[in-house]
């Protein structure tokens, strides 16, 4: 038996006007093939609209992430500048003695350079 003969028939009641529209639109296909094609297309359109909605949400999230990244980069650059000004106002001996301050200044400088290089 072929696959078509194994399918269970499904009686479909529809208004005469709708049946006439389907028969006019079937372009050489059987009425059943026309109905099946239109049903499949409706699911495809639903999937396309769902994918489009997901794409739009992802675009908004990306835009928000880029804005947050730029804000973080700007704040980090300002912090690095403030730390550099602080370091310039302190005696070199004080910075050399204070390992934590020296490490903090180095980390701020590295982070600022890293963020700047990621934008290029």
PDB file of N, CA and C in Angstrom:
ATOM      1  N   UNK A   1       0.826  -1.192   0.000  1.00  0.00           N
ATOM      2  CA  UNK A   1       0.000   0.000   0.000  1.00  0.00           C
ATOM      3  C   UNK A   1       0.864   1.246   0.000  1.00  0.00           C
ATOM      4  N   UNK A   2       0.437   2.248  -0.697  1.00  0.00           N
ATOM      5  CA  UNK A   2       1.183   3.506  -0.717  1.00  0.00           C
ATOM      6  C   UNK A   2       0.826   4.332   0.515  1.00  0.00           C
ATOM      7  N   UNK A   3       1.648   5.354   0.797  1.00  0.00           N
ATOM      8  CA  UNK A   3       1.397   6.222   1.951  1.00  0.00           C
ATOM      9  C   UNK A   3       0.042   6.913   1.840  1.00  0.00           C
ATOM     10  N   UNK A   4      -0.321   7.322   0.629  1.00  0.00           N
ATOM     11  CA  UNK A   4      -1.587   8.036   0.436  1.00  0.00           C
ATOM     12  C   UNK A   4      -2.772   7.161   0.804  1.00  0.00           C
ATOM     13  N   UNK A   5      -2.719   5.861   0.488  1.00  0.00           N
ATOM     14  CA  UNK A   5      -3.851   4.991   0.785  1.00  0.00           C
ATOM     15  C   UNK A   5      -3.920   4.633   2.270  1.00  0.00           C
ATOM     16  N   UNK A   6      -2.812   4.834   3.012  1.00  0.00           N
ATOM     17  CA  UNK A   6      -2.802   4.519   4.431  1.00  0.00           C
ATOM     18  C   UNK A   6      -3.310   5.677   5.281  1.00  0.00           C
ATOM     19  N   UNK A   7      -3.418   6.858   4.714  1.00  0.00           N
ATOM     20  CA  UNK A   7      -3.895   8.013   5.466  1.00  0.00           C
ATOM     21  C   UNK A   7      -5.392   7.886   5.684  1.00  0.00           C
ATOM     22  N   UNK A   8      -5.813   8.258   6.860  1.00  0.00           N
ATOM     23  CA  UNK A   8      -7.229   8.188   7.195  1.00  0.00           C
ATOM     24  C   UNK A   8      -7.923   9.417   6.635  1.00  0.00           C
ATOM     25  N   UNK A   9      -8.996   9.227   5.872  1.00  0.00           N
ATOM     26  CA  UNK A   9      -9.718  10.379   5.323  1.00  0.00           C
ATOM     27  C   UNK A   9     -10.312  11.229   6.446  1.00  0.00           C
ATOM     28  N   UNK A  10     -10.361  12.531   6.223  1.00  0.00           N
ATOM     29  CA  UNK A  10     -10.930  13.443   7.189  1.00  0.00           C
ATOM     30  C   UNK A  10     -12.005  14.263   6.483  1.00  0.00           C
ATOM     31  N   UNK A  11     -13.266  13.998   6.794  1.00  0.00           N
ATOM     32  CA  UNK A  11     -14.326  14.776   6.149  1.00  0.00           C
ATOM     33  C   UNK A  11     -14.283  16.215   6.651  1.00  0.00           C
ATOM     34  N   UNK A  12     -14.332  17.140   5.738  1.00  0.00           N
ATOM     35  CA  UNK A  12     -14.235  18.555   6.091  1.00  0.00           C
ATOM     36  C   UNK A  12     -15.476  19.282   5.610  1.00  0.00           C
ATOM     37  N   UNK A  13     -16.167  19.888   6.537  1.00  0.00           N
ATOM     38  CA  UNK A  13     -17.336  20.681   6.170  1.00  0.00           C
ATOM     39  C   UNK A  13     -16.891  22.122   6.020  1.00  0.00           C
ATOM     40  N   UNK A  14     -17.321  22.746   4.937  1.00  0.00           N
ATOM     41  CA  UNK A  14     -16.987  24.144   4.716  1.00  0.00           C
ATOM     42  C   UNK A  14     -18.111  24.798   3.925  1.00  0.00           C
ATOM     43  N   UNK A  15     -18.220  26.105   4.017  1.00  0.00           N
ATOM     44  CA  UNK A  15     -19.248  26.802   3.240  1.00  0.00           C
ATOM     45  C   UNK A  15     -19.001  26.624   1.742  1.00  0.00           C
ATOM     46  N   UNK A  16     -20.068  26.606   0.981  1.00  0.00           N
ATOM     47  CA  UNK A  16     -19.970  26.441  -0.476  1.00  0.00           C
ATOM     48  C   UNK A  16     -19.112  27.529  -1.104  1.00  0.00           C
ATOM     49  N   UNK A  17     -19.218  28.754  -0.587  1.00  0.00           N
ATOM     50  CA  UNK A  17     -18.441  29.871  -1.155  1.00  0.00           C
ATOM     51  C   UNK A  17     -16.930  29.626  -0.976  1.00  0.00           C
ATOM     52  N   UNK A  18     -16.539  29.107   0.199  1.00  0.00           N
ATOM     53  CA  UNK A  18     -15.127  28.821   0.447  1.00  0.00           C
ATOM     54  C   UNK A  18     -14.643  27.694  -0.455  1.00  0.00           C
ATOM     55  N   UNK A  19     -15.449  26.676  -0.611  1.00  0.00           N
ATOM     56  CA  UNK A  19     -15.077  25.568  -1.491  1.00  0.00           C
ATOM     57  C   UNK A  19     -14.886  26.067  -2.921  1.00  0.00           C
ATOM     58  N   UNK A  20     -15.766  26.949  -3.380  1.00  0.00           N
ATOM     59  CA  UNK A  20     -15.647  27.499  -4.731  1.00  0.00           C
ATOM     60  C   UNK A  20     -14.348  28.300  -4.872  1.00  0.00           C
ATOM     61  N   UNK A  21     -14.001  29.083  -3.864  1.00  0.00           N
ATOM     62  CA  UNK A  21     -12.746  29.857  -3.901  1.00  0.00           C
ATOM     63  C   UNK A  21     -11.546  28.922  -3.981  1.00  0.00           C
ATOM     64  N   UNK A  22     -11.563  27.858  -3.198  1.00  0.00           N
ATOM     65  CA  UNK A  22     -10.455  26.899  -3.210  1.00  0.00           C
ATOM     66  C   UNK A  22     -10.339  26.204  -4.561  1.00  0.00           C
ATOM     67  N   UNK A  23     -11.475  25.823  -5.116  1.00  0.00           N
ATOM     68  CA  UNK A  23     -11.447  25.157  -6.420  1.00  0.00           C
ATOM     69  C   UNK A  23     -10.940  26.100  -7.508  1.00  0.00           C
ATOM     70  N   UNK A  24     -11.305  27.375  -7.433  1.00  0.00           N
ATOM     71  CA  UNK A  24     -10.817  28.345  -8.418  1.00  0.00           C
ATOM     72  C   UNK A  24      -9.312  28.580  -8.278  1.00  0.00           C
ATOM     73  N   UNK A  25      -8.791  28.482  -7.064  1.00  0.00           N
ATOM     74  CA  UNK A  25      -7.386  28.800  -6.802  1.00  0.00           C
ATOM     75  C   UNK A  25      -6.453  27.617  -6.912  1.00  0.00           C
ATOM     76  N   UNK A  26      -6.951  26.428  -7.125  1.00  0.00           N
ATOM     77  CA  UNK A  26      -6.119  25.230  -6.984  1.00  0.00           C
ATOM     78  C   UNK A  26      -5.096  25.016  -8.087  1.00  0.00           C
ATOM     79  N   UNK A  27      -5.149  25.687  -9.176  1.00  0.00           N
ATOM     80  CA  UNK A  27      -4.118  25.647 -10.236  1.00  0.00           C
ATOM     81  C   UNK A  27      -3.706  24.230 -10.628  1.00  0.00           C
ATOM     82  N   UNK A  28      -4.642  23.395 -10.943  1.00  0.00           N
ATOM     83  CA  UNK A  28      -4.326  22.044 -11.406  1.00  0.00           C
ATOM     84  C   UNK A  28      -4.138  21.031 -10.298  1.00  0.00           C
ATOM     85  N   UNK A  29      -4.051  21.486  -9.071  1.00  0.00           N
ATOM     86  CA  UNK A  29      -3.930  20.557  -7.942  1.00  0.00           C
ATOM     87  C   UNK A  29      -5.319  20.041  -7.577  1.00  0.00           C
ATOM     88  N   UNK A  30      -5.333  18.962  -6.848  1.00  0.00           N
ATOM     89  CA  UNK A  30      -6.610  18.475  -6.322  1.00  0.00           C
ATOM     90  C   UNK A  30      -7.055  19.429  -5.216  1.00  0.00           C
ATOM     91  N   UNK A  31      -8.304  19.378  -4.884  1.00  0.00           N
ATOM     92  CA  UNK A  31      -8.824  20.219  -3.811  1.00  0.00           C
ATOM     93  C   UNK A  31      -8.120  19.882  -2.499  1.00  0.00           C
ATOM     94  N   UNK A  32      -7.898  18.602  -2.259  1.00  0.00           N
ATOM     95  CA  UNK A  32      -7.184  18.178  -1.057  1.00  0.00           C
ATOM     96  C   UNK A  32      -5.764  18.755  -1.030  1.00  0.00           C
ATOM     97  N   UNK A  33      -5.055  18.689  -2.151  1.00  0.00           N
ATOM     98  CA  UNK A  33      -3.685  19.215  -2.219  1.00  0.00           C
ATOM     99  C   UNK A  33      -3.675  20.723  -1.969  1.00  0.00           C
ATOM    100  N   UNK A  34      -4.678  21.421  -2.484  1.00  0.00           N
ATOM    101  CA  UNK A  34      -4.776  22.871  -2.269  1.00  0.00           C
ATOM    102  C   UNK A  34      -4.973  23.184  -0.785  1.00  0.00           C
ATOM    103  N   UNK A  35      -5.863  22.442  -0.139  1.00  0.00           N
ATOM    104  CA  UNK A  35      -6.130  22.648   1.288  1.00  0.00           C
ATOM    105  C   UNK A  35      -4.865  22.349   2.106  1.00  0.00           C
ATOM    106  N   UNK A  36      -4.210  21.239   1.804  1.00  0.00           N
ATOM    107  CA  UNK A  36      -2.994  20.860   2.531  1.00  0.00           C
ATOM    108  C   UNK A  36      -1.917  21.925   2.337  1.00  0.00           C
ATOM    109  N   UNK A  37      -1.727  22.385   1.111  1.00  0.00           N
ATOM    110  CA  UNK A  37      -0.706  23.404   0.830  1.00  0.00           C
ATOM    111  C   UNK A  37      -1.001  24.690   1.607  1.00  0.00           C
ATOM    112  N   UNK A  38      -2.233  25.109   1.651  1.00  0.00           N
ATOM    113  CA  UNK A  38      -2.597  26.337   2.365  1.00  0.00           C
ATOM    114  C   UNK A  38      -2.431  26.175   3.875  1.00  0.00           C
ATOM    115  N   UNK A  39      -2.761  25.017   4.394  1.00  0.00           N
ATOM    116  CA  UNK A  39      -2.556  24.769   5.827  1.00  0.00           C
ATOM    117  C   UNK A  39      -1.064  24.796   6.178  1.00  0.00           C
ATOM    118  N   UNK A  40      -0.259  24.118   5.359  1.00  0.00           N
ATOM    119  CA  UNK A  40       1.186  24.116   5.604  1.00  0.00           C
ATOM    120  C   UNK A  40       1.761  25.524   5.518  1.00  0.00           C
ATOM    121  N   UNK A  41       1.300  26.311   4.561  1.00  0.00           N
ATOM    122  CA  UNK A  41       1.777  27.689   4.414  1.00  0.00           C
ATOM    123  C   UNK A  41       1.412  28.524   5.640  1.00  0.00           C
ATOM    124  N   UNK A  42       0.245  28.276   6.206  1.00  0.00           N
ATOM    125  CA  UNK A  42      -0.152  29.054   7.387  1.00  0.00           C
ATOM    126  C   UNK A  42       0.773  28.772   8.563  1.00  0.00           C
ATOM    127  N   UNK A  43       1.211  27.528   8.709  1.00  0.00           N
ATOM    128  CA  UNK A  43       2.152  27.214   9.778  1.00  0.00           C
ATOM    129  C   UNK A  43       3.520  27.820   9.493  1.00  0.00           C
ATOM    130  N   UNK A  44       3.924  27.818   8.255  1.00  0.00           N
ATOM    131  CA  UNK A  44       5.196  28.411   7.870  1.00  0.00           C
ATOM    132  C   UNK A  44       5.191  29.903   8.145  1.00  0.00           C
ATOM    133  N   UNK A  45       4.098  30.577   7.826  1.00  0.00           N
ATOM    134  CA  UNK A  45       4.003  32.015   8.080  1.00  0.00           C
ATOM    135  C   UNK A  45       4.058  32.301   9.572  1.00  0.00           C
ATOM    136  N   UNK A  46       3.417  31.452  10.359  1.00  0.00           N
ATOM    137  CA  UNK A  46       3.449  31.629  11.802  1.00  0.00           C
ATOM    138  C   UNK A  46       4.885  31.479  12.294  1.00  0.00           C
ATOM    139  N   UNK A  47       5.578  30.498  11.801  1.00  0.00           N
ATOM    140  CA  UNK A  47       6.963  30.283  12.193  1.00  0.00           C
ATOM    141  C   UNK A  47       7.825  31.468  11.769  1.00  0.00           C
ATOM    142  N   UNK A  48       7.613  31.970  10.558  1.00  0.00           N
ATOM    143  CA  UNK A  48       8.372  33.127  10.087  1.00  0.00           C
ATOM    144  C   UNK A  48       8.138  34.336  10.987  1.00  0.00           C
ATOM    145  N   UNK A  49       6.889  34.576  11.369  1.00  0.00           N
ATOM    146  CA  UNK A  49       6.606  35.733  12.222  1.00  0.00           C
ATOM    147  C   UNK A  49       7.196  35.534  13.614  1.00  0.00           C
ATOM    148  N   UNK A  50       7.205  34.300  14.112  1.00  0.00           N
ATOM    149  CA  UNK A  50       7.836  34.027  15.405  1.00  0.00           C
ATOM    150  C   UNK A  50       9.338  34.266  15.327  1.00  0.00           C
ATOM    151  N   UNK A  51       9.951  33.834  14.232  1.00  0.00           N
ATOM    152  CA  UNK A  51      11.389  34.041  14.064  1.00  0.00           C
ATOM    153  C   UNK A  51      11.716  35.526  13.931  1.00  0.00           C
ATOM    154  N   UNK A  52      10.866  36.263  13.236  1.00  0.00           N
ATOM    155  CA  UNK A  52      11.070  37.702  13.090  1.00  0.00           C
ATOM    156  C   UNK A  52      10.963  38.396  14.447  1.00  0.00           C
ATOM    157  N   UNK A  53       9.992  37.988  15.263  1.00  0.00           N
ATOM    158  CA  UNK A  53       9.844  38.566  16.601  1.00  0.00           C
ATOM    159  C   UNK A  53      11.076  38.258  17.449  1.00  0.00           C
ATOM    160  N   UNK A  54      11.584  37.034  17.361  1.00  0.00           N
ATOM    161  CA  UNK A  54      12.784  36.663  18.102  1.00  0.00           C
ATOM    162  C   UNK A  54      13.980  37.488  17.628  1.00  0.00           C
ATOM    163  N   UNK A  55      14.116  37.650  16.324  1.00  0.00           N
ATOM    164  CA  UNK A  55      15.215  38.445  15.773  1.00  0.00           C
ATOM    165  C   UNK A  55      15.146  39.883  16.280  1.00  0.00           C
ATOM    166  N   UNK A  56      13.959  40.452  16.324  1.00  0.00           N
ATOM    167  CA  UNK A  56      13.808  41.831  16.817  1.00  0.00           C
ATOM    168  C   UNK A  56      14.185  41.931  18.293  1.00  0.00           C
ATOM    169  N   UNK A  57      13.772  40.929  19.094  1.00  0.00           N
ATOM    170  CA  UNK A  57      14.154  40.933  20.510  1.00  0.00           C
ATOM    171  C   UNK A  57      15.668  40.844  20.661  1.00  0.00           C
ATOM    172  N   UNK A  58      16.307  39.988  19.864  1.00  0.00           N
ATOM    173  CA  UNK A  58      17.765  39.842  19.932  1.00  0.00           C
ATOM    174  C   UNK A  58      18.479  41.125  19.510  1.00  0.00           C
ATOM    175  N   UNK A  59      17.944  41.794  18.493  1.00  0.00           N
ATOM    176  CA  UNK A  59      18.533  43.068  18.055  1.00  0.00           C
ATOM    177  C   UNK A  59      18.450  44.109  19.169  1.00  0.00           C
ATOM    178  N   UNK A  60      17.308  44.163  19.880  1.00  0.00           N
ATOM    179  CA  UNK A  60      17.162  45.111  20.997  1.00  0.00           C
ATOM    180  C   UNK A  60      18.148  44.768  22.115  1.00  0.00           C
ATOM    181  N   UNK A  61      18.279  43.481  22.421  1.00  0.00           N
ATOM    182  CA  UNK A  61      19.206  43.068  23.472  1.00  0.00           C
ATOM    183  C   UNK A  61      20.642  43.413  23.093  1.00  0.00           C
ATOM    184  N   UNK A  62      20.991  43.201  21.835  1.00  0.00           N
ATOM    185  CA  UNK A  62      22.336  43.528  21.376  1.00  0.00           C
ATOM    186  C   UNK A  62      22.587  45.024  21.485  1.00  0.00           C
ATOM    187  N   UNK A  63      21.619  45.809  21.077  1.00  0.00           N
ATOM    188  CA  UNK A  63      21.748  47.258  21.165  1.00  0.00           C
ATOM    189  C   UNK A  63      21.919  47.693  22.619  1.00  0.00           C
ATOM    190  N   UNK A  64      21.116  47.114  23.519  1.00  0.00           N
ATOM    191  CA  UNK A  64      21.236  47.441  24.944  1.00  0.00           C
ATOM    192  C   UNK A  64      22.596  47.016  25.493  1.00  0.00           C
ATOM    193  N   UNK A  65      23.081  45.847  25.058  1.00  0.00           N
ATOM    194  CA  UNK A  65      24.384  45.357  25.508  1.00  0.00           C
ATOM    195  C   UNK A  65      25.506  46.264  25.020  1.00  0.00           C
ATOM    196  N   UNK A  66      25.400  46.694  23.773  1.00  0.00           N
ATOM    197  CA  UNK A  66      26.421  47.599  23.230  1.00  0.00           C
ATOM    198  C   UNK A  66      26.431  48.917  23.985  1.00  0.00           C
ATOM    199  N   UNK A  67      25.253  49.436  24.327  1.00  0.00           N
ATOM    200  CA  UNK A  67      25.170  50.686  25.082  1.00  0.00           C
ATOM    201  C   UNK A  67      25.759  50.505  26.482  1.00  0.00           C
ATOM    202  N   UNK A  68      25.450  49.382  27.118  1.00  0.00           N
ATOM    203  CA  UNK A  68      25.984  49.113  28.458  1.00  0.00           C
ATOM    204  C   UNK A  68      27.501  48.953  28.409  1.00  0.00           C
ATOM    205  N   UNK A  69      27.993  48.292  27.363  1.00  0.00           N
ATOM    206  CA  UNK A  69      29.438  48.120  27.201  1.00  0.00           C
ATOM    207  C   UNK A  69      30.117  49.476  27.028  1.00  0.00           C
ATOM    208  N   UNK A  70      29.532  50.329  26.210  1.00  0.00           N
ATOM    209  CA  UNK A  70      30.123  51.654  25.974  1.00  0.00           C
ATOM    210  C   UNK A  70      30.119  52.467  27.266  1.00  0.00           C
ATOM    211  N   UNK A  71      29.050  52.368  28.036  1.00  0.00           N
ATOM    212  CA  UNK A  71      28.981  53.086  29.314  1.00  0.00           C
ATOM    213  C   UNK A  71      30.059  52.570  30.268  1.00  0.00           C
ATOM    214  N   UNK A  72      30.223  51.253  30.327  1.00  0.00           N
ATOM    215  CA  UNK A  72      31.250  50.656  31.185  1.00  0.00           C
ATOM    216  C   UNK A  72      32.644  51.075  30.733  1.00  0.00           C
ATOM    217  N   UNK A  73      32.867  51.091  29.433  1.00  0.00           N
ATOM    218  CA  UNK A  73      34.166  51.505  28.915  1.00  0.00           C
ATOM    219  C   UNK A  73      34.464  52.951  29.285  1.00  0.00           C
ATOM    220  N   UNK A  74      33.463  53.827  29.163  1.00  0.00           N
ATOM    221  CA  UNK A  74      33.662  55.237  29.482  1.00  0.00           C
ATOM    222  C   UNK A  74      33.936  55.420  30.980  1.00  0.00           C
ATOM    223  N   UNK A  75      33.194  54.714  31.819  1.00  0.00           N
ATOM    224  CA  UNK A  75      33.406  54.818  33.263  1.00  0.00           C
ATOM    225  C   UNK A  75      34.783  54.289  33.647  1.00  0.00           C
ATOM    226  N   UNK A  76      35.194  53.201  33.013  1.00  0.00           N
ATOM    227  CA  UNK A  76      36.510  52.634  33.301  1.00  0.00           C
ATOM    228  C   UNK A  76      37.616  53.598  32.873  1.00  0.00           C
ATOM    229  N   UNK A  77      37.441  54.236  31.734  1.00  0.00           N
ATOM    230  CA  UNK A  77      38.433  55.203  31.272  1.00  0.00           C
ATOM    231  C   UNK A  77      38.518  56.382  32.240  1.00  0.00           C
ATOM    232  N   UNK A  78      37.347  56.844  32.733  1.00  0.00           N
ATOM    233  CA  UNK A  78      37.360  57.953  33.709  1.00  0.00           C
ATOM    234  C   UNK A  78      38.040  57.517  35.010  1.00  0.00           C
ATOM    235  N   UNK A  79      37.755  56.298  35.443  1.00  0.00           N
ATOM    236  CA  UNK A  79      38.377  55.778  36.650  1.00  0.00           C
ATOM    237  C   UNK A  79      39.892  55.673  36.486  1.00  0.00           C
ATOM    238  N   UNK A  80      40.320  55.186  35.337  1.00  0.00           N
ATOM    239  CA  UNK A  80      41.763  55.067  35.082  1.00  0.00           C
ATOM    240  C   UNK A  80      42.411  56.452  35.078  1.00  0.00           C
ATOM    241  N   UNK A  81      41.713  57.435  34.516  1.00  0.00           N
ATOM    242  CA  UNK A  81      42.239  58.798  34.500  1.00  0.00           C
ATOM    243  C   UNK A  81      42.352  59.343  35.925  1.00  0.00           C
ATOM    244  N   UNK A  82      41.321  59.121  36.736  1.00  0.00           N
ATOM    245  CA  UNK A  82      41.345  59.580  38.131  1.00  0.00           C
ATOM    246  C   UNK A  82      42.477  58.922  38.904  1.00  0.00           C
ATOM    247  N   UNK A  83      42.649  57.624  38.675  1.00  0.00           N
ATOM    248  CA  UNK A  83      43.726  56.915  39.359  1.00  0.00           C
ATOM    249  C   UNK A  83      45.096  57.417  38.904  1.00  0.00           C
ATOM    250  N   UNK A  84      45.199  57.737  37.633  1.00  0.00           N
ATOM    251  CA  UNK A  84      46.474  58.270  37.129  1.00  0.00           C
ATOM    252  C   UNK A  84      46.766  59.627  37.754  1.00  0.00           C
ATOM    253  N   UNK A  85      45.736  60.467  37.879  1.00  0.00           N
ATOM    254  CA  UNK A  85      45.912  61.782  38.519  1.00  0.00           C
ATOM    255  C   UNK A  85      46.317  61.593  39.977  1.00  0.00           C
ATOM    256  N   UNK A  86      45.662  60.664  40.651  1.00  0.00           N
ATOM    257  CA  UNK A  86      46.002  60.358  42.034  1.00  0.00           C
ATOM    258  C   UNK A  86      47.447  59.887  42.137  1.00  0.00           C
ATOM    259  N   UNK A  87      47.822  59.001  41.238  1.00  0.00           N
ATOM    260  CA  UNK A  87      49.189  58.467  41.262  1.00  0.00           C
ATOM    261  C   UNK A  87      50.205  59.578  41.024  1.00  0.00           C
ATOM    262  N   UNK A  88      49.870  60.521  40.120  1.00  0.00           N
ATOM    263  CA  UNK A  88      50.799  61.624  39.844  1.00  0.00           C
ATOM    264  C   UNK A  88      50.961  62.547  41.048  1.00  0.00           C
ATOM    265  N   UNK A  89      49.929  62.612  41.882  1.00  0.00           N
ATOM    266  CA  UNK A  89      49.999  63.511  43.042  1.00  0.00           C
ATOM    267  C   UNK A  89      50.698  62.864  44.241  1.00  0.00           C
ATOM    268  N   UNK A  90      50.894  61.547  44.176  1.00  0.00           N
ATOM    269  CA  UNK A  90      51.558  60.854  45.279  1.00  0.00           C
ATOM    270  C   UNK A  90      53.049  60.723  45.002  1.00  0.00           C
ATOM    271  N   UNK A  91      53.836  60.760  46.046  1.00  0.00           N
ATOM    272  CA  UNK A  91      55.267  60.526  45.854  1.00  0.00           C
ATOM    273  C   UNK A  91      55.508  59.103  45.329  1.00  0.00           C
ATOM    274  N   UNK A  92      56.471  58.953  44.451  1.00  0.00           N
ATOM    275  CA  UNK A  92      56.787  57.651  43.866  1.00  0.00           C
ATOM    276  C   UNK A  92      57.096  56.639  44.953  1.00  0.00           C
ATOM    277  N   UNK A  93      57.744  57.063  45.999  1.00  0.00           N
ATOM    278  CA  UNK A  93      58.096  56.155  47.099  1.00  0.00           C
ATOM    279  C   UNK A  93      56.837  55.576  47.744  1.00  0.00           C
ATOM    280  N   UNK A  94      55.786  56.386  47.841  1.00  0.00           N
ATOM    281  CA  UNK A  94      54.533  55.907  48.451  1.00  0.00           C
ATOM    282  C   UNK A  94      53.907  54.822  47.592  1.00  0.00           C
ATOM    283  N   UNK A  95      53.910  55.027  46.283  1.00  0.00           N
ATOM    284  CA  UNK A  95      53.333  54.038  45.364  1.00  0.00           C
ATOM    285  C   UNK A  95      54.147  52.749  45.411  1.00  0.00           C
ATOM    286  N   UNK A  96      55.455  52.870  45.415  1.00  0.00           N
ATOM    287  CA  UNK A  96      56.302  51.681  45.451  1.00  0.00           C
ATOM    288  C   UNK A  96      56.100  50.887  46.742  1.00  0.00           C
ATOM    289  N   UNK A  97      55.897  51.593  47.855  1.00  0.00           N
ATOM    290  CA  UNK A  97      55.701  50.922  49.139  1.00  0.00           C
ATOM    291  C   UNK A  97      54.327  50.246  49.221  1.00  0.00           C
ATOM    292  N   UNK A  98      53.333  50.868  48.620  1.00  0.00           N
ATOM    293  CA  UNK A  98      51.962  50.347  48.726  1.00  0.00           C
ATOM    294  C   UNK A  98      51.686  49.418  47.549  1.00  0.00           C
ATOM    295  N   UNK A  99      51.859  48.141  47.780  1.00  0.00           N
ATOM    296  CA  UNK A  99      51.692  47.144  46.715  1.00  0.00           C
ATOM    297  C   UNK A  99      50.262  47.123  46.182  1.00  0.00           C
ATOM    298  N   UNK A 100      49.286  47.295  47.064  1.00  0.00           N
ATOM    299  CA  UNK A 100      47.882  47.279  46.630  1.00  0.00           C
ATOM    300  C   UNK A 100      47.586  48.450  45.697  1.00  0.00           C
ATOM    301  N   UNK A 101      48.061  49.620  46.030  1.00  0.00           N
ATOM    302  CA  UNK A 101      47.853  50.795  45.179  1.00  0.00           C
ATOM    303  C   UNK A 101      48.546  50.613  43.834  1.00  0.00           C
ATOM    304  N   UNK A 102      49.745  50.096  43.863  1.00  0.00           N
ATOM    305  CA  UNK A 102      50.496  49.851  42.632  1.00  0.00           C
ATOM    306  C   UNK A 102      49.750  48.850  41.751  1.00  0.00           C
ATOM    307  N   UNK A 103      49.231  47.775  42.348  1.00  0.00           N
ATOM    308  CA  UNK A 103      48.486  46.764  41.594  1.00  0.00           C
ATOM    309  C   UNK A 103      47.193  47.355  41.029  1.00  0.00           C
ATOM    310  N   UNK A 104      46.502  48.150  41.829  1.00  0.00           N
ATOM    311  CA  UNK A 104      45.259  48.779  41.386  1.00  0.00           C
ATOM    312  C   UNK A 104      45.500  49.703  40.191  1.00  0.00           C
ATOM    313  N   UNK A 105      46.548  50.483  40.247  1.00  0.00           N
ATOM    314  CA  UNK A 105      46.882  51.369  39.131  1.00  0.00           C
ATOM    315  C   UNK A 105      47.195  50.567  37.867  1.00  0.00           C
ATOM    316  N   UNK A 106      47.922  49.483  38.033  1.00  0.00           N
ATOM    317  CA  UNK A 106      48.243  48.626  36.887  1.00  0.00           C
ATOM    318  C   UNK A 106      47.005  47.975  36.294  1.00  0.00           C
ATOM    319  N   UNK A 107      46.128  47.464  37.140  1.00  0.00           N
ATOM    320  CA  UNK A 107      44.903  46.819  36.663  1.00  0.00           C
ATOM    321  C   UNK A 107      43.990  47.813  35.954  1.00  0.00           C
ATOM    322  N   UNK A 108      43.878  49.006  36.496  1.00  0.00           N
ATOM    323  CA  UNK A 108      43.030  50.026  35.860  1.00  0.00           C
ATOM    324  C   UNK A 108      43.569  50.389  34.483  1.00  0.00           C
ATOM    325  N   UNK A 109      44.858  50.505  34.376  1.00  0.00           N
ATOM    326  CA  UNK A 109      45.474  50.820  33.087  1.00  0.00           C
ATOM    327  C   UNK A 109      45.267  49.690  32.084  1.00  0.00           C
ATOM    328  N   UNK A 110      45.458  48.446  32.523  1.00  0.00           N
ATOM    329  CA  UNK A 110      45.259  47.287  31.642  1.00  0.00           C
ATOM    330  C   UNK A 110      43.810  47.176  31.180  1.00  0.00           C
ATOM    331  N   UNK A 111      42.882  47.379  32.112  1.00  0.00           N
ATOM    332  CA  UNK A 111      41.460  47.284  31.764  1.00  0.00           C
ATOM    333  C   UNK A 111      41.068  48.363  30.769  1.00  0.00           C
ATOM    334  N   UNK A 112      41.554  49.552  30.974  1.00  0.00           N
ATOM    335  CA  UNK A 112      41.257  50.659  30.055  1.00  0.00           C
ATOM    336  C   UNK A 112      41.802  50.350  28.665  1.00  0.00           C
ATOM    337  N   UNK A 113      43.003  49.827  28.574  1.00  0.00           N
ATOM    338  CA  UNK A 113      43.596  49.467  27.282  1.00  0.00           C
ATOM    339  C   UNK A 113      42.826  48.321  26.635  1.00  0.00           C
ATOM    340  N   UNK A 114      42.417  47.349  27.424  1.00  0.00           N
ATOM    341  CA  UNK A 114      41.663  46.211  26.903  1.00  0.00           C
ATOM    342  C   UNK A 114      40.329  46.668  26.302  1.00  0.00           C
ATOM    343  N   UNK A 115      39.617  47.496  27.030  1.00  0.00           N
ATOM    344  CA  UNK A 115      38.333  47.992  26.537  1.00  0.00           C
ATOM    345  C   UNK A 115      38.506  48.820  25.269  1.00  0.00           C
ATOM    346  N   UNK A 116      39.523  49.653  25.246  1.00  0.00           N
ATOM    347  CA  UNK A 116      39.779  50.465  24.049  1.00  0.00           C
ATOM    348  C   UNK A 116      40.143  49.603  22.858  1.00  0.00           C
ATOM    349  N   UNK A 117      40.927  48.542  23.074  1.00  0.00           N
ATOM    350  CA  UNK A 117      41.324  47.689  21.953  1.00  0.00           C
ATOM    351  C   UNK A 117      40.153  46.871  21.420  1.00  0.00           C
ATOM    352  N   UNK A 118      39.192  46.542  22.262  1.00  0.00           N
ATOM    353  CA  UNK A 118      38.008  45.790  21.819  1.00  0.00           C
ATOM    354  C   UNK A 118      37.078  46.609  20.972  1.00  0.00           C
ATOM    355  N   UNK A 119      37.162  47.918  21.056  1.00  0.00           N
ATOM    356  CA  UNK A 119      36.300  48.785  20.237  1.00  0.00           C
ATOM    357  C   UNK A 119      36.828  48.942  18.823  1.00  0.00           C
ATOM    358  N   UNK A 120      38.084  48.612  18.606  1.00  0.00           N
ATOM    359  CA  UNK A 120      38.675  48.807  17.278  1.00  0.00           C
ATOM    360  C   UNK A 120      38.401  47.634  16.374  1.00  0.00           C
TER     361      UNK A 120
END
